Amino acid sequence: MDKYKPEEKAEDATDDSRMEAGTEVGKLARELFGKPVDVTETVNGQLNLPAMTDRTQVEIEHETSVICEASFSYQGCYCAVDILKRENDGWAGNI
């Protein structure tokens, strides 16, 4: 909304508290998986999606056990997975 339709973005007093609660839940969830690698990249406060997809690929190639914010792009479509975990026969994503 910030980038494409800022005039339609509605904020209320509960937005900040919801964001903070979401951040805390994310931290707790990560603790369940040991020491994950977070591939989040930002530039000037904005997510750097190409850098995140590149870092995800590097971590997959290094056989990293758990990747947070694993990011993928295919034919112009972008997808991020909160937690991507290596399993015996492949990967399992947790959103």
PDB file of N, CA and C in Angstrom:
ATOM      1  N   MET A   1       0.815  -1.189   0.000  1.00  0.00           N
ATOM      2  CA  MET A   1       0.000   0.000   0.000  1.00  0.00           C
ATOM      3  C   MET A   1       0.862   1.257   0.000  1.00  0.00           C
ATOM      4  N   ASP A   2       1.961   1.224   0.762  1.00  0.00           N
ATOM      5  CA  ASP A   2       2.821   2.415   0.832  1.00  0.00           C
ATOM      6  C   ASP A   2       3.314   2.824  -0.546  1.00  0.00           C
ATOM      7  N   LYS A   3       3.656   1.828  -1.360  1.00  0.00           N
ATOM      8  CA  LYS A   3       4.281   2.132  -2.647  1.00  0.00           C
ATOM      9  C   LYS A   3       3.264   2.457  -3.738  1.00  0.00           C
ATOM     10  N   TYR A   4       2.213   1.642  -3.862  1.00  0.00           N
ATOM     11  CA  TYR A   4       1.328   1.770  -5.015  1.00  0.00           C
ATOM     12  C   TYR A   4       0.032   2.538  -4.759  1.00  0.00           C
ATOM     13  N   LYS A   5      -0.469   2.518  -3.529  1.00  0.00           N
ATOM     14  CA  LYS A   5      -1.724   3.218  -3.245  1.00  0.00           C
ATOM     15  C   LYS A   5      -1.680   3.843  -1.856  1.00  0.00           C
ATOM     16  N   PRO A   6      -0.750   4.745  -1.628  1.00  0.00           N
ATOM     17  CA  PRO A   6      -0.632   5.333  -0.290  1.00  0.00           C
ATOM     18  C   PRO A   6      -1.893   6.079   0.148  1.00  0.00           C
ATOM     19  N   GLU A   7      -2.656   6.598  -0.808  1.00  0.00           N
ATOM     20  CA  GLU A   7      -3.876   7.333  -0.466  1.00  0.00           C
ATOM     21  C   GLU A   7      -4.958   6.422   0.105  1.00  0.00           C
ATOM     22  N   GLU A   8      -4.855   5.105  -0.140  1.00  0.00           N
ATOM     23  CA  GLU A   8      -5.854   4.164   0.352  1.00  0.00           C
ATOM     24  C   GLU A   8      -5.447   3.493   1.662  1.00  0.00           C
ATOM     25  N   LYS A   9      -4.254   3.764   2.106  1.00  0.00           N
ATOM     26  CA  LYS A   9      -3.770   3.127   3.329  1.00  0.00           C
ATOM     27  C   LYS A   9      -4.480   3.735   4.535  1.00  0.00           C
ATOM     28  N   ALA A  10      -5.087   2.876   5.306  1.00  0.00           N
ATOM     29  CA  ALA A  10      -5.784   3.325   6.524  1.00  0.00           C
ATOM     30  C   ALA A  10      -5.027   2.802   7.736  1.00  0.00           C
ATOM     31  N   GLU A  11      -4.748   3.684   8.659  1.00  0.00           N
ATOM     32  CA  GLU A  11      -4.072   3.283   9.883  1.00  0.00           C
ATOM     33  C   GLU A  11      -4.942   3.662  11.065  1.00  0.00           C
ATOM     34  N   ASP A  12      -4.901   2.813  12.072  1.00  0.00           N
ATOM     35  CA  ASP A  12      -5.595   3.164  13.303  1.00  0.00           C
ATOM     36  C   ASP A  12      -4.663   2.898  14.477  1.00  0.00           C
ATOM     37  N   ALA A  13      -5.125   3.209  15.660  1.00  0.00           N
ATOM     38  CA  ALA A  13      -4.283   3.131  16.856  1.00  0.00           C
ATOM     39  C   ALA A  13      -3.835   1.708  17.165  1.00  0.00           C
ATOM     40  N   THR A  14      -4.536   0.709  16.680  1.00  0.00           N
ATOM     41  CA  THR A  14      -4.169  -0.675  16.994  1.00  0.00           C
ATOM     42  C   THR A  14      -3.131  -1.258  16.045  1.00  0.00           C
ATOM     43  N   ASP A  15      -2.843  -0.570  14.942  1.00  0.00           N
ATOM     44  CA  ASP A  15      -1.890  -1.089  13.966  1.00  0.00           C
ATOM     45  C   ASP A  15      -0.520  -1.364  14.584  1.00  0.00           C
ATOM     46  N   ASP A  16       0.006  -0.403  15.340  1.00  0.00           N
ATOM     47  CA  ASP A  16       1.325  -0.565  15.938  1.00  0.00           C
ATOM     48  C   ASP A  16       1.362  -1.732  16.910  1.00  0.00           C
ATOM     49  N   SER A  17       0.329  -1.875  17.720  1.00  0.00           N
ATOM     50  CA  SER A  17       0.326  -2.967  18.699  1.00  0.00           C
ATOM     51  C   SER A  17       0.207  -4.322  18.007  1.00  0.00           C
ATOM     52  N   ARG A  18      -0.544  -4.383  16.916  1.00  0.00           N
ATOM     53  CA  ARG A  18      -0.636  -5.628  16.146  1.00  0.00           C
ATOM     54  C   ARG A  18       0.708  -5.991  15.535  1.00  0.00           C
ATOM     55  N   MET A  19       1.407  -4.994  15.007  1.00  0.00           N
ATOM     56  CA  MET A  19       2.722  -5.238  14.415  1.00  0.00           C
ATOM     57  C   MET A  19       3.708  -5.727  15.477  1.00  0.00           C
ATOM     58  N   GLU A  20       3.696  -5.103  16.640  1.00  0.00           N
ATOM     59  CA  GLU A  20       4.588  -5.513  17.721  1.00  0.00           C
ATOM     60  C   GLU A  20       4.277  -6.932  18.175  1.00  0.00           C
ATOM     61  N   ALA A  21       3.002  -7.263  18.294  1.00  0.00           N
ATOM     62  CA  ALA A  21       2.606  -8.616  18.701  1.00  0.00           C
ATOM     63  C   ALA A  21       3.047  -9.632  17.650  1.00  0.00           C
ATOM     64  N   GLY A  22       2.897  -9.289  16.381  1.00  0.00           N
ATOM     65  CA  GLY A  22       3.337 -10.182  15.303  1.00  0.00           C
ATOM     66  C   GLY A  22       4.831 -10.420  15.338  1.00  0.00           C
ATOM     67  N   THR A  23       5.578  -9.371  15.623  1.00  0.00           N
ATOM     68  CA  THR A  23       7.036  -9.494  15.728  1.00  0.00           C
ATOM     69  C   THR A  23       7.408 -10.428  16.869  1.00  0.00           C
ATOM     70  N   GLU A  24       6.747 -10.292  17.999  1.00  0.00           N
ATOM     71  CA  GLU A  24       7.025 -11.157  19.162  1.00  0.00           C
ATOM     72  C   GLU A  24       6.682 -12.611  18.857  1.00  0.00           C
ATOM     73  N   VAL A  25       5.558 -12.848  18.197  1.00  0.00           N
ATOM     74  CA  VAL A  25       5.168 -14.211  17.833  1.00  0.00           C
ATOM     75  C   VAL A  25       6.208 -14.805  16.886  1.00  0.00           C
ATOM     76  N   GLY A  26       6.689 -14.012  15.941  1.00  0.00           N
ATOM     77  CA  GLY A  26       7.722 -14.473  15.018  1.00  0.00           C
ATOM     78  C   GLY A  26       8.991 -14.877  15.741  1.00  0.00           C
ATOM     79  N   LYS A  27       9.409 -14.084  16.715  1.00  0.00           N
ATOM     80  CA  LYS A  27      10.603 -14.408  17.496  1.00  0.00           C
ATOM     81  C   LYS A  27      10.430 -15.720  18.251  1.00  0.00           C
ATOM     82  N   LEU A  28       9.269 -15.898  18.877  1.00  0.00           N
ATOM     83  CA  LEU A  28       9.002 -17.127  19.613  1.00  0.00           C
ATOM     84  C   LEU A  28       8.984 -18.338  18.682  1.00  0.00           C
ATOM     85  N   ALA A  29       8.376 -18.185  17.516  1.00  0.00           N
ATOM     86  CA  ALA A  29       8.316 -19.287  16.554  1.00  0.00           C
ATOM     87  C   ALA A  29       9.719 -19.705  16.112  1.00  0.00           C
ATOM     88  N   ARG A  30      10.586 -18.726  15.897  1.00  0.00           N
ATOM     89  CA  ARG A  30      11.955 -19.038  15.465  1.00  0.00           C
ATOM     90  C   ARG A  30      12.706 -19.824  16.521  1.00  0.00           C
ATOM     91  N   GLU A  31      12.434 -19.545  17.781  1.00  0.00           N
ATOM     92  CA  GLU A  31      13.104 -20.264  18.863  1.00  0.00           C
ATOM     93  C   GLU A  31      12.772 -21.756  18.842  1.00  0.00           C
ATOM     94  N   LEU A  32      11.624 -22.109  18.292  1.00  0.00           N
ATOM     95  CA  LEU A  32      11.234 -23.514  18.204  1.00  0.00           C
ATOM     96  C   LEU A  32      12.119 -24.297  17.245  1.00  0.00           C
ATOM     97  N   PHE A  33      12.791 -23.592  16.342  1.00  0.00           N
ATOM     98  CA  PHE A  33      13.569 -24.253  15.301  1.00  0.00           C
ATOM     99  C   PHE A  33      15.073 -24.144  15.506  1.00  0.00           C
ATOM    100  N   GLY A  34      15.520 -23.799  16.690  1.00  0.00           N
ATOM    101  CA  GLY A  34      16.954 -23.704  16.947  1.00  0.00           C
ATOM    102  C   GLY A  34      17.505 -22.374  16.485  1.00  0.00           C
ATOM    103  N   LYS A  35      18.564 -22.431  15.694  1.00  0.00           N
ATOM    104  CA  LYS A  35      19.218 -21.211  15.215  1.00  0.00           C
ATOM    105  C   LYS A  35      19.027 -21.077  13.706  1.00  0.00           C
ATOM    106  N   PRO A  36      17.922 -20.489  13.301  1.00  0.00           N
ATOM    107  CA  PRO A  36      17.676 -20.323  11.869  1.00  0.00           C
ATOM    108  C   PRO A  36      18.500 -19.179  11.279  1.00  0.00           C
ATOM    109  N   VAL A  37      18.621 -19.185   9.974  1.00  0.00           N
ATOM    110  CA  VAL A  37      19.252 -18.083   9.248  1.00  0.00           C
ATOM    111  C   VAL A  37      18.130 -17.229   8.664  1.00  0.00           C
ATOM    112  N   ASP A  38      18.144 -15.948   8.972  1.00  0.00           N
ATOM    113  CA  ASP A  38      17.138 -15.014   8.466  1.00  0.00           C
ATOM    114  C   ASP A  38      17.715 -14.318   7.238  1.00  0.00           C
ATOM    115  N   VAL A  39      17.021 -14.416   6.103  1.00  0.00           N
ATOM    116  CA  VAL A  39      17.521 -13.836   4.855  1.00  0.00           C
ATOM    117  C   VAL A  39      16.917 -12.467   4.545  1.00  0.00           C
ATOM    118  N   THR A  40      16.261 -11.853   5.523  1.00  0.00           N
ATOM    119  CA  THR A  40      15.660 -10.539   5.308  1.00  0.00           C
ATOM    120  C   THR A  40      16.735  -9.510   4.952  1.00  0.00           C
ATOM    121  N   GLU A  41      16.500  -8.776   3.889  1.00  0.00           N
ATOM    122  CA  GLU A  41      17.392  -7.703   3.442  1.00  0.00           C
ATOM    123  C   GLU A  41      16.537  -6.458   3.209  1.00  0.00           C
ATOM    124  N   THR A  42      17.012  -5.322   3.655  1.00  0.00           N
ATOM    125  CA  THR A  42      16.290  -4.078   3.400  1.00  0.00           C
ATOM    126  C   THR A  42      17.226  -3.015   2.832  1.00  0.00           C
ATOM    127  N   VAL A  43      16.631  -2.084   2.108  1.00  0.00           N
ATOM    128  CA  VAL A  43      17.321  -0.908   1.608  1.00  0.00           C
ATOM    129  C   VAL A  43      16.402   0.275   1.879  1.00  0.00           C
ATOM    130  N   ASN A  44      16.884   1.241   2.628  1.00  0.00           N
ATOM    131  CA  ASN A  44      16.089   2.415   2.981  1.00  0.00           C
ATOM    132  C   ASN A  44      14.740   2.039   3.590  1.00  0.00           C
ATOM    133  N   GLY A  45      14.749   1.020   4.446  1.00  0.00           N
ATOM    134  CA  GLY A  45      13.536   0.618   5.132  1.00  0.00           C
ATOM    135  C   GLY A  45      12.574  -0.221   4.316  1.00  0.00           C
ATOM    136  N   GLN A  46      12.916  -0.548   3.085  1.00  0.00           N
ATOM    137  CA  GLN A  46      12.061  -1.358   2.222  1.00  0.00           C
ATOM    138  C   GLN A  46      12.715  -2.715   1.994  1.00  0.00           C
ATOM    139  N   LEU A  47      11.896  -3.764   1.924  1.00  0.00           N
ATOM    140  CA  LEU A  47      12.441  -5.087   1.647  1.00  0.00           C
ATOM    141  C   LEU A  47      13.127  -5.101   0.284  1.00  0.00           C
ATOM    142  N   ASN A  48      14.288  -5.741   0.237  1.00  0.00           N
ATOM    143  CA  ASN A  48      15.036  -5.905  -1.009  1.00  0.00           C
ATOM    144  C   ASN A  48      14.773  -7.334  -1.491  1.00  0.00           C
ATOM    145  N   LEU A  49      13.699  -7.522  -2.240  1.00  0.00           N
ATOM    146  CA  LEU A  49      13.254  -8.848  -2.637  1.00  0.00           C
ATOM    147  C   LEU A  49      14.270  -9.602  -3.484  1.00  0.00           C
ATOM    148  N   PRO A  50      14.925  -8.970  -4.468  1.00  0.00           N
ATOM    149  CA  PRO A  50      15.941  -9.708  -5.227  1.00  0.00           C
ATOM    150  C   PRO A  50      17.079 -10.218  -4.343  1.00  0.00           C
ATOM    151  N   ALA A  51      17.517  -9.415  -3.398  1.00  0.00           N
ATOM    152  CA  ALA A  51      18.591  -9.845  -2.493  1.00  0.00           C
ATOM    153  C   ALA A  51      18.115 -10.997  -1.613  1.00  0.00           C
ATOM    154  N   MET A  52      16.860 -10.939  -1.198  1.00  0.00           N
ATOM    155  CA  MET A  52      16.330 -12.011  -0.354  1.00  0.00           C
ATOM    156  C   MET A  52      16.217 -13.323  -1.124  1.00  0.00           C
ATOM    157  N   THR A  53      15.796 -13.261  -2.382  1.00  0.00           N
ATOM    158  CA  THR A  53      15.719 -14.498  -3.162  1.00  0.00           C
ATOM    159  C   THR A  53      17.115 -15.047  -3.434  1.00  0.00           C
ATOM    160  N   ASP A  54      18.076 -14.174  -3.682  1.00  0.00           N
ATOM    161  CA  ASP A  54      19.460 -14.617  -3.884  1.00  0.00           C
ATOM    162  C   ASP A  54      20.016 -15.275  -2.629  1.00  0.00           C
ATOM    163  N   ARG A  55      19.802 -14.653  -1.468  1.00  0.00           N
ATOM    164  CA  ARG A  55      20.306 -15.215  -0.204  1.00  0.00           C
ATOM    165  C   ARG A  55      19.638 -16.544   0.107  1.00  0.00           C
ATOM    166  N   THR A  56      18.354 -16.663  -0.214  1.00  0.00           N
ATOM    167  CA  THR A  56      17.652 -17.927   0.003  1.00  0.00           C
ATOM    168  C   THR A  56      18.319 -19.031  -0.800  1.00  0.00           C
ATOM    169  N   GLN A  57      18.610 -18.749  -2.061  1.00  0.00           N
ATOM    170  CA  GLN A  57      19.240 -19.756  -2.916  1.00  0.00           C
ATOM    171  C   GLN A  57      20.601 -20.171  -2.371  1.00  0.00           C
ATOM    172  N   VAL A  58      21.374 -19.202  -1.901  1.00  0.00           N
ATOM    173  CA  VAL A  58      22.696 -19.497  -1.318  1.00  0.00           C
ATOM    174  C   VAL A  58      22.543 -20.402  -0.099  1.00  0.00           C
ATOM    175  N   GLU A  59      21.582 -20.096   0.767  1.00  0.00           N
ATOM    176  CA  GLU A  59      21.388 -20.904   1.971  1.00  0.00           C
ATOM    177  C   GLU A  59      20.924 -22.314   1.622  1.00  0.00           C
ATOM    178  N   ILE A  60      20.085 -22.439   0.602  1.00  0.00           N
ATOM    179  CA  ILE A  60      19.660 -23.773   0.151  1.00  0.00           C
ATOM    180  C   ILE A  60      20.867 -24.556  -0.351  1.00  0.00           C
ATOM    181  N   GLU A  61      21.717 -23.908  -1.144  1.00  0.00           N
ATOM    182  CA  GLU A  61      22.915 -24.573  -1.661  1.00  0.00           C
ATOM    183  C   GLU A  61      23.881 -24.972  -0.549  1.00  0.00           C
ATOM    184  N   HIS A  62      23.909 -24.198   0.540  1.00  0.00           N
ATOM    185  CA  HIS A  62      24.767 -24.524   1.690  1.00  0.00           C
ATOM    186  C   HIS A  62      24.106 -25.525   2.637  1.00  0.00           C
ATOM    187  N   GLU A  63      22.925 -25.996   2.255  1.00  0.00           N
ATOM    188  CA  GLU A  63      22.169 -26.961   3.046  1.00  0.00           C
ATOM    189  C   GLU A  63      21.876 -26.465   4.459  1.00  0.00           C
ATOM    190  N   THR A  64      21.569 -25.179   4.572  1.00  0.00           N
ATOM    191  CA  THR A  64      21.160 -24.587   5.840  1.00  0.00           C
ATOM    192  C   THR A  64      19.904 -25.309   6.327  1.00  0.00           C
ATOM    193  N   SER A  65      19.848 -25.630   7.609  1.00  0.00           N
ATOM    194  CA  SER A  65      18.741 -26.430   8.159  1.00  0.00           C
ATOM    195  C   SER A  65      17.422 -25.677   8.207  1.00  0.00           C
ATOM    196  N   VAL A  66      17.461 -24.406   8.649  1.00  0.00           N
ATOM    197  CA  VAL A  66      16.234 -23.621   8.797  1.00  0.00           C
ATOM    198  C   VAL A  66      16.483 -22.210   8.268  1.00  0.00           C
ATOM    199  N   ILE A  67      15.618 -21.766   7.361  1.00  0.00           N
ATOM    200  CA  ILE A  67      15.738 -20.438   6.756  1.00  0.00           C
ATOM    201  C   ILE A  67      14.465 -19.650   7.067  1.00  0.00           C
ATOM    202  N   CYS A  68      14.629 -18.471   7.658  1.00  0.00           N
ATOM    203  CA  CYS A  68      13.485 -17.593   7.939  1.00  0.00           C
ATOM    204  C   CYS A  68      13.323 -16.588   6.804  1.00  0.00           C
ATOM    205  N   GLU A  69      12.079 -16.343   6.451  1.00  0.00           N
ATOM    206  CA  GLU A  69      11.726 -15.427   5.361  1.00  0.00           C
ATOM    207  C   GLU A  69      12.300 -15.897   4.027  1.00  0.00           C
ATOM    208  N   ALA A  70      12.399 -17.225   3.856  1.00  0.00           N
ATOM    209  CA  ALA A  70      12.877 -17.790   2.595  1.00  0.00           C
ATOM    210  C   ALA A  70      12.031 -17.210   1.462  1.00  0.00           C
ATOM    211  N   SER A  71      12.698 -16.722   0.415  1.00  0.00           N
ATOM    212  CA  SER A  71      12.017 -15.965  -0.636  1.00  0.00           C
ATOM    213  C   SER A  71      12.294 -16.552  -2.007  1.00  0.00           C
ATOM    214  N   PHE A  72      11.257 -16.556  -2.825  1.00  0.00           N
ATOM    215  CA  PHE A  72      11.343 -17.152  -4.152  1.00  0.00           C
ATOM    216  C   PHE A  72      10.625 -16.270  -5.161  1.00  0.00           C
ATOM    217  N   SER A  73      11.107 -16.317  -6.390  1.00  0.00           N
ATOM    218  CA  SER A  73      10.472 -15.591  -7.477  1.00  0.00           C
ATOM    219  C   SER A  73      10.408 -16.521  -8.683  1.00  0.00           C
ATOM    220  N   TYR A  74       9.241 -16.571  -9.307  1.00  0.00           N
ATOM    221  CA  TYR A  74       9.068 -17.417 -10.479  1.00  0.00           C
ATOM    222  C   TYR A  74       8.120 -16.722 -11.440  1.00  0.00           C
ATOM    223  N   GLN A  75       8.600 -16.471 -12.631  1.00  0.00           N
ATOM    224  CA  GLN A  75       7.810 -15.821 -13.679  1.00  0.00           C
ATOM    225  C   GLN A  75       7.106 -14.564 -13.171  1.00  0.00           C
ATOM    226  N   GLY A  76       7.838 -13.744 -12.435  1.00  0.00           N
ATOM    227  CA  GLY A  76       7.309 -12.475 -11.963  1.00  0.00           C
ATOM    228  C   GLY A  76       6.478 -12.549 -10.703  1.00  0.00           C
ATOM    229  N   CYS A  77       6.288 -13.745 -10.164  1.00  0.00           N
ATOM    230  CA  CYS A  77       5.527 -13.904  -8.920  1.00  0.00           C
ATOM    231  C   CYS A  77       6.500 -14.103  -7.765  1.00  0.00           C
ATOM    232  N   TYR A  78       6.219 -13.447  -6.647  1.00  0.00           N
ATOM    233  CA  TYR A  78       7.082 -13.513  -5.470  1.00  0.00           C
ATOM    234  C   TYR A  78       6.364 -14.243  -4.349  1.00  0.00           C
ATOM    235  N   CYS A  79       7.112 -15.052  -3.619  1.00  0.00           N
ATOM    236  CA  CYS A  79       6.565 -15.778  -2.478  1.00  0.00           C
ATOM    237  C   CYS A  79       7.610 -15.815  -1.371  1.00  0.00           C
ATOM    238  N   ALA A  80       7.189 -15.620  -0.132  1.00  0.00           N
ATOM    239  CA  ALA A  80       8.091 -15.758   1.015  1.00  0.00           C
ATOM    240  C   ALA A  80       7.450 -16.728   2.002  1.00  0.00           C
ATOM    241  N   VAL A  81       8.298 -17.525   2.623  1.00  0.00           N
ATOM    242  CA  VAL A  81       7.852 -18.503   3.611  1.00  0.00           C
ATOM    243  C   VAL A  81       8.443 -18.090   4.949  1.00  0.00           C
ATOM    244  N   ASP A  82       7.603 -18.006   5.970  1.00  0.00           N
ATOM    245  CA  ASP A  82       8.099 -17.590   7.281  1.00  0.00           C
ATOM    246  C   ASP A  82       9.268 -18.462   7.727  1.00  0.00           C
ATOM    247  N   ILE A  83       9.079 -19.773   7.662  1.00  0.00           N
ATOM    248  CA  ILE A  83      10.128 -20.703   8.086  1.00  0.00           C
ATOM    249  C   ILE A  83      10.199 -21.848   7.079  1.00  0.00           C
ATOM    250  N   LEU A  84      11.380 -22.057   6.501  1.00  0.00           N
ATOM    251  CA  LEU A  84      11.621 -23.155   5.573  1.00  0.00           C
ATOM    252  C   LEU A  84      12.610 -24.097   6.237  1.00  0.00           C
ATOM    253  N   LYS A  85      12.195 -25.352   6.429  1.00  0.00           N
ATOM    254  CA  LYS A  85      13.006 -26.307   7.181  1.00  0.00           C
ATOM    255  C   LYS A  85      13.399 -27.478   6.302  1.00  0.00           C
ATOM    256  N   ARG A  86      14.702 -27.798   6.331  1.00  0.00           N
ATOM    257  CA  ARG A  86      15.200 -28.954   5.585  1.00  0.00           C
ATOM    258  C   ARG A  86      14.733 -30.218   6.291  1.00  0.00           C
ATOM    259  N   GLU A  87      14.202 -31.141   5.505  1.00  0.00           N
ATOM    260  CA  GLU A  87      13.804 -32.440   6.026  1.00  0.00           C
ATOM    261  C   GLU A  87      14.533 -33.513   5.237  1.00  0.00           C
ATOM    262  N   ASN A  88      14.419 -34.741   5.662  1.00  0.00           N
ATOM    263  CA  ASN A  88      15.148 -35.846   5.046  1.00  0.00           C
ATOM    264  C   ASN A  88      14.988 -35.904   3.537  1.00  0.00           C
ATOM    265  N   ASP A  89      13.771 -35.724   3.070  1.00  0.00           N
ATOM    266  CA  ASP A  89      13.507 -35.896   1.646  1.00  0.00           C
ATOM    267  C   ASP A  89      13.235 -34.576   0.927  1.00  0.00           C
ATOM    268  N   GLY A  90      13.557 -33.456   1.547  1.00  0.00           N
ATOM    269  CA  GLY A  90      13.334 -32.176   0.891  1.00  0.00           C
ATOM    270  C   GLY A  90      13.154 -31.039   1.879  1.00  0.00           C
ATOM    271  N   TRP A  91      12.140 -30.197   1.628  1.00  0.00           N
ATOM    272  CA  TRP A  91      11.907 -29.004   2.441  1.00  0.00           C
ATOM    273  C   TRP A  91      10.459 -28.950   2.879  1.00  0.00           C
ATOM    274  N   ALA A  92      10.234 -28.364   4.044  1.00  0.00           N
ATOM    275  CA  ALA A  92       8.874 -28.129   4.531  1.00  0.00           C
ATOM    276  C   ALA A  92       8.761 -26.656   4.872  1.00  0.00           C
ATOM    277  N   GLY A  93       7.729 -26.002   4.367  1.00  0.00           N
ATOM    278  CA  GLY A  93       7.519 -24.588   4.637  1.00  0.00           C
ATOM    279  C   GLY A  93       6.438 -24.405   5.675  1.00  0.00           C
ATOM    280  N   ASN A  94       6.661 -23.459   6.544  1.00  0.00           N
ATOM    281  CA  ASN A  94       5.690 -23.110   7.580  1.00  0.00           C
ATOM    282  C   ASN A  94       5.357 -21.644   7.442  1.00  0.00           C
ATOM    283  N   ILE A  95       4.100 -21.360   7.176  1.00  0.00           N
ATOM    284  CA  ILE A  95       3.693 -19.972   6.992  1.00  0.00           C
ATOM    285  C   ILE A  95       2.892 -19.535   8.200  1.00  0.00           C
TER     286      ILE A  95
END
